[in-house]
N, C-alpha and C. Protein backbone atom coordinates (compact mmCIF):
# COMPACT_ATOMS: atom_id res chain seq x y z
N UNK A 1 38.16 69.25 -35.68
CA UNK A 1 39.65 69.43 -35.52
C UNK A 1 40.31 69.27 -36.87
N UNK A 2 41.20 70.18 -37.17
CA UNK A 2 41.97 70.03 -38.39
C UNK A 2 43.44 69.88 -38.10
N UNK A 3 44.05 68.90 -38.74
CA UNK A 3 45.48 68.62 -38.59
C UNK A 3 46.15 68.77 -39.92
N UNK A 4 47.33 69.42 -39.91
CA UNK A 4 48.09 69.63 -41.16
C UNK A 4 49.49 68.90 -40.95
N UNK A 5 49.74 67.96 -41.85
CA UNK A 5 51.06 67.31 -41.82
C UNK A 5 51.96 67.98 -42.76
N UNK A 6 53.11 68.35 -42.34
CA UNK A 6 54.02 69.22 -43.14
C UNK A 6 55.40 68.59 -43.37
N UNK A 7 55.79 68.68 -44.62
CA UNK A 7 57.17 68.28 -44.91
C UNK A 7 57.79 69.43 -45.80
N UNK A 8 58.94 69.16 -46.26
CA UNK A 8 59.69 70.26 -47.03
C UNK A 8 59.01 70.61 -48.32
N UNK A 9 58.56 69.58 -49.08
CA UNK A 9 57.99 69.82 -50.37
C UNK A 9 56.48 69.51 -50.49
N UNK A 10 55.89 68.98 -49.41
CA UNK A 10 54.48 68.72 -49.40
C UNK A 10 54.06 67.51 -50.22
N UNK A 11 54.90 66.60 -50.56
CA UNK A 11 54.53 65.51 -51.44
C UNK A 11 54.64 64.21 -50.64
N UNK A 12 55.69 63.43 -50.86
CA UNK A 12 55.89 62.13 -50.32
C UNK A 12 55.81 61.94 -48.88
N UNK A 13 56.74 62.67 -48.21
CA UNK A 13 56.89 62.34 -46.77
C UNK A 13 55.66 62.88 -45.95
N UNK A 14 55.16 64.04 -46.32
CA UNK A 14 53.94 64.53 -45.63
C UNK A 14 52.72 63.62 -45.85
N UNK A 15 52.71 63.04 -47.03
CA UNK A 15 51.53 62.09 -47.41
C UNK A 15 51.70 60.85 -46.50
N UNK A 16 52.89 60.26 -46.33
CA UNK A 16 53.14 59.20 -45.42
C UNK A 16 52.72 59.50 -44.01
N UNK A 17 53.22 60.74 -43.53
CA UNK A 17 52.82 61.12 -42.22
C UNK A 17 51.34 61.26 -42.07
N UNK A 18 50.67 61.79 -43.04
CA UNK A 18 49.23 61.98 -43.04
C UNK A 18 48.48 60.61 -42.89
N UNK A 19 48.96 59.60 -43.65
CA UNK A 19 48.30 58.26 -43.51
C UNK A 19 48.62 57.72 -42.15
N UNK A 20 49.78 57.85 -41.58
CA UNK A 20 50.05 57.35 -40.32
C UNK A 20 49.35 58.05 -39.23
N UNK A 21 49.17 59.34 -39.37
CA UNK A 21 48.37 60.11 -38.37
C UNK A 21 46.88 59.65 -38.44
N UNK A 22 46.37 59.45 -39.55
CA UNK A 22 44.93 58.99 -39.75
C UNK A 22 44.83 57.61 -38.97
N UNK A 23 45.76 56.74 -39.22
CA UNK A 23 45.73 55.40 -38.64
C UNK A 23 45.72 55.51 -37.11
N UNK A 24 46.61 56.35 -36.53
CA UNK A 24 46.71 56.51 -35.05
C UNK A 24 45.40 57.12 -34.57
N UNK A 25 44.85 58.17 -35.22
CA UNK A 25 43.69 58.83 -34.82
C UNK A 25 42.47 57.80 -34.70
N UNK A 26 42.42 56.87 -35.77
CA UNK A 26 41.36 55.82 -35.67
C UNK A 26 41.58 54.88 -34.50
N UNK A 27 42.88 54.55 -34.17
CA UNK A 27 43.10 53.70 -33.05
C UNK A 27 42.72 54.40 -31.72
N UNK A 28 42.87 55.73 -31.71
CA UNK A 28 42.56 56.42 -30.46
C UNK A 28 41.03 56.86 -30.42
N UNK A 29 40.35 56.61 -31.47
CA UNK A 29 38.93 56.94 -31.56
C UNK A 29 38.65 58.39 -31.66
N UNK A 30 39.59 59.06 -32.29
CA UNK A 30 39.47 60.47 -32.63
C UNK A 30 39.18 60.76 -34.08
N UNK A 31 38.41 61.78 -34.30
CA UNK A 31 38.13 62.20 -35.70
C UNK A 31 38.80 63.55 -36.01
N UNK A 32 39.34 63.69 -37.18
CA UNK A 32 39.99 64.90 -37.60
C UNK A 32 39.99 65.02 -39.14
N UNK A 33 40.02 66.29 -39.60
CA UNK A 33 40.31 66.48 -41.03
C UNK A 33 41.79 66.58 -41.12
N UNK A 34 42.46 65.63 -41.77
CA UNK A 34 43.93 65.54 -41.82
C UNK A 34 44.28 65.85 -43.29
N UNK A 35 45.16 66.79 -43.49
CA UNK A 35 45.70 67.15 -44.82
C UNK A 35 47.20 67.24 -44.74
N UNK A 36 47.89 67.19 -45.90
CA UNK A 36 49.35 67.38 -45.95
C UNK A 36 49.71 68.47 -46.94
N UNK A 37 50.84 69.15 -46.69
CA UNK A 37 51.29 70.19 -47.47
C UNK A 37 52.69 70.48 -47.25
N UNK A 38 53.23 71.51 -48.03
CA UNK A 38 54.71 71.87 -47.81
C UNK A 38 54.83 72.96 -46.71
N UNK A 39 56.03 73.17 -46.24
CA UNK A 39 56.19 74.12 -45.17
C UNK A 39 55.81 75.56 -45.54
N UNK A 40 56.14 76.01 -46.76
CA UNK A 40 55.72 77.36 -47.06
C UNK A 40 54.28 77.64 -47.19
N UNK A 41 53.50 76.70 -47.67
CA UNK A 41 52.02 76.78 -47.71
C UNK A 41 51.46 76.66 -46.30
N UNK A 42 52.05 75.92 -45.48
CA UNK A 42 51.55 75.74 -44.11
C UNK A 42 51.49 77.03 -43.36
N UNK A 43 52.39 78.00 -43.70
CA UNK A 43 52.44 79.18 -42.98
C UNK A 43 51.20 80.10 -43.14
N UNK A 44 50.47 79.90 -44.25
CA UNK A 44 49.27 80.67 -44.55
C UNK A 44 48.00 80.00 -44.15
N UNK A 45 48.12 78.64 -43.66
CA UNK A 45 46.89 77.93 -43.27
C UNK A 45 46.74 78.02 -41.77
N UNK A 46 45.49 77.77 -41.34
CA UNK A 46 45.19 77.89 -39.91
C UNK A 46 44.49 76.60 -39.34
N UNK A 47 45.18 75.50 -39.35
CA UNK A 47 44.64 74.29 -38.68
C UNK A 47 44.81 74.35 -37.22
N UNK A 48 44.18 73.47 -36.52
CA UNK A 48 44.23 73.45 -34.99
C UNK A 48 45.64 72.95 -34.67
N UNK A 49 46.15 71.99 -35.44
CA UNK A 49 47.46 71.37 -35.13
C UNK A 49 48.28 71.22 -36.42
N UNK A 50 49.65 71.45 -36.31
CA UNK A 50 50.56 71.18 -37.43
C UNK A 50 51.51 70.11 -36.85
N UNK A 51 51.69 69.03 -37.64
CA UNK A 51 52.57 67.96 -37.17
C UNK A 51 53.75 68.00 -38.26
N UNK A 52 54.94 68.09 -37.65
CA UNK A 52 56.15 68.30 -38.62
C UNK A 52 57.40 67.84 -37.87
N UNK A 53 58.54 67.95 -38.53
CA UNK A 53 59.76 67.60 -37.93
C UNK A 53 60.26 68.81 -37.13
N UNK A 54 61.30 68.53 -36.24
CA UNK A 54 61.83 69.64 -35.44
C UNK A 54 62.47 70.70 -36.34
N UNK A 55 63.15 70.31 -37.39
CA UNK A 55 63.80 71.26 -38.35
C UNK A 55 62.79 72.25 -39.03
N UNK A 56 61.64 71.67 -39.44
CA UNK A 56 60.66 72.39 -40.16
C UNK A 56 59.86 73.27 -39.15
N UNK A 57 59.70 72.79 -37.89
CA UNK A 57 58.97 73.47 -36.90
C UNK A 57 59.57 74.86 -36.64
N UNK A 58 60.88 74.92 -36.73
CA UNK A 58 61.64 76.20 -36.54
C UNK A 58 61.12 77.24 -37.48
N UNK A 59 60.88 76.83 -38.74
CA UNK A 59 60.50 77.89 -39.78
C UNK A 59 58.94 78.23 -39.60
N UNK A 60 58.27 77.50 -38.79
CA UNK A 60 56.82 77.77 -38.48
C UNK A 60 56.71 78.47 -37.15
N UNK A 61 57.78 78.81 -36.47
CA UNK A 61 57.73 79.43 -35.18
C UNK A 61 56.89 80.70 -35.25
N UNK A 62 56.01 80.84 -34.29
CA UNK A 62 55.16 82.05 -34.19
C UNK A 62 53.81 81.75 -34.87
N UNK A 63 53.63 80.64 -35.45
CA UNK A 63 52.37 80.22 -36.15
C UNK A 63 51.25 80.11 -35.07
N UNK A 64 50.06 80.47 -35.34
CA UNK A 64 48.88 80.34 -34.36
C UNK A 64 48.50 78.95 -34.06
N UNK A 65 48.77 77.94 -34.89
CA UNK A 65 48.50 76.59 -34.67
C UNK A 65 49.37 75.92 -33.65
N UNK A 66 48.93 75.03 -32.97
CA UNK A 66 49.80 74.17 -32.08
C UNK A 66 50.69 73.31 -32.91
N UNK A 67 52.00 73.37 -32.68
CA UNK A 67 52.93 72.58 -33.44
C UNK A 67 53.29 71.29 -32.69
N UNK A 68 53.17 70.19 -33.37
CA UNK A 68 53.49 68.83 -32.81
C UNK A 68 54.73 68.34 -33.52
N UNK A 69 55.76 68.04 -32.69
CA UNK A 69 57.04 67.50 -33.34
C UNK A 69 57.01 65.94 -33.45
N UNK A 70 57.29 65.43 -34.61
CA UNK A 70 57.43 64.05 -34.86
C UNK A 70 58.74 63.95 -35.71
N UNK A 71 59.76 63.33 -35.21
CA UNK A 71 61.01 63.21 -35.96
C UNK A 71 61.06 62.04 -36.92
N UNK A 72 60.33 60.93 -36.61
CA UNK A 72 60.33 59.77 -37.47
C UNK A 72 58.91 59.59 -37.97
N UNK A 73 58.62 59.93 -39.19
CA UNK A 73 57.21 59.95 -39.73
C UNK A 73 56.69 58.50 -39.94
N UNK A 74 57.61 57.45 -39.73
CA UNK A 74 57.18 56.07 -39.91
C UNK A 74 57.08 55.37 -38.63
N UNK A 75 57.36 56.06 -37.48
CA UNK A 75 57.32 55.47 -36.11
C UNK A 75 55.88 55.66 -35.60
N UNK A 76 55.02 54.71 -35.63
CA UNK A 76 53.71 54.79 -35.18
C UNK A 76 53.59 55.12 -33.72
N UNK A 77 54.53 54.56 -32.91
CA UNK A 77 54.52 54.81 -31.47
C UNK A 77 54.86 56.18 -31.19
N UNK A 78 55.82 56.82 -31.86
CA UNK A 78 56.16 58.17 -31.69
C UNK A 78 54.95 59.14 -32.09
N UNK A 79 54.37 58.81 -33.18
CA UNK A 79 53.23 59.60 -33.64
C UNK A 79 52.11 59.53 -32.59
N UNK A 80 51.84 58.32 -32.04
CA UNK A 80 50.74 58.13 -31.12
C UNK A 80 51.03 58.91 -29.82
N UNK A 81 52.31 58.81 -29.35
CA UNK A 81 52.71 59.50 -28.15
C UNK A 81 52.61 61.02 -28.30
N UNK A 82 53.02 61.50 -29.49
CA UNK A 82 52.97 62.96 -29.67
C UNK A 82 51.57 63.45 -29.76
N UNK A 83 50.67 62.67 -30.49
CA UNK A 83 49.21 63.06 -30.52
C UNK A 83 48.60 63.04 -29.08
N UNK A 84 48.84 61.95 -28.42
CA UNK A 84 48.17 61.84 -27.05
C UNK A 84 48.63 62.90 -26.10
N UNK A 85 49.86 63.34 -26.20
CA UNK A 85 50.33 64.31 -25.24
C UNK A 85 50.03 65.78 -25.70
N UNK A 86 49.54 65.91 -26.90
CA UNK A 86 49.26 67.32 -27.40
C UNK A 86 47.85 67.62 -27.71
N UNK A 87 47.00 66.64 -28.04
CA UNK A 87 45.60 66.84 -28.31
C UNK A 87 44.75 66.58 -27.12
N UNK A 88 43.91 67.52 -26.79
CA UNK A 88 43.13 67.49 -25.61
C UNK A 88 41.88 66.62 -25.92
């Protein structure tokens, strides 16, 4: 499973989201290849899941990957809930 964490510039915020997603995945006992990038680069990649904010998800509309919305990249409970309800 490949997960892409996306923010506007692909630097600080997406890296924080990536680290938090990796932590939650460990807690859930799930393994995934997790990367981070900017929204324009994400449009050309083909991960299984893209995790991003509602605003950036709109620019990825029509992407073949499943888009998971997380509005607070620091909220571990929100990340956990989003992952549990979207990853089979």
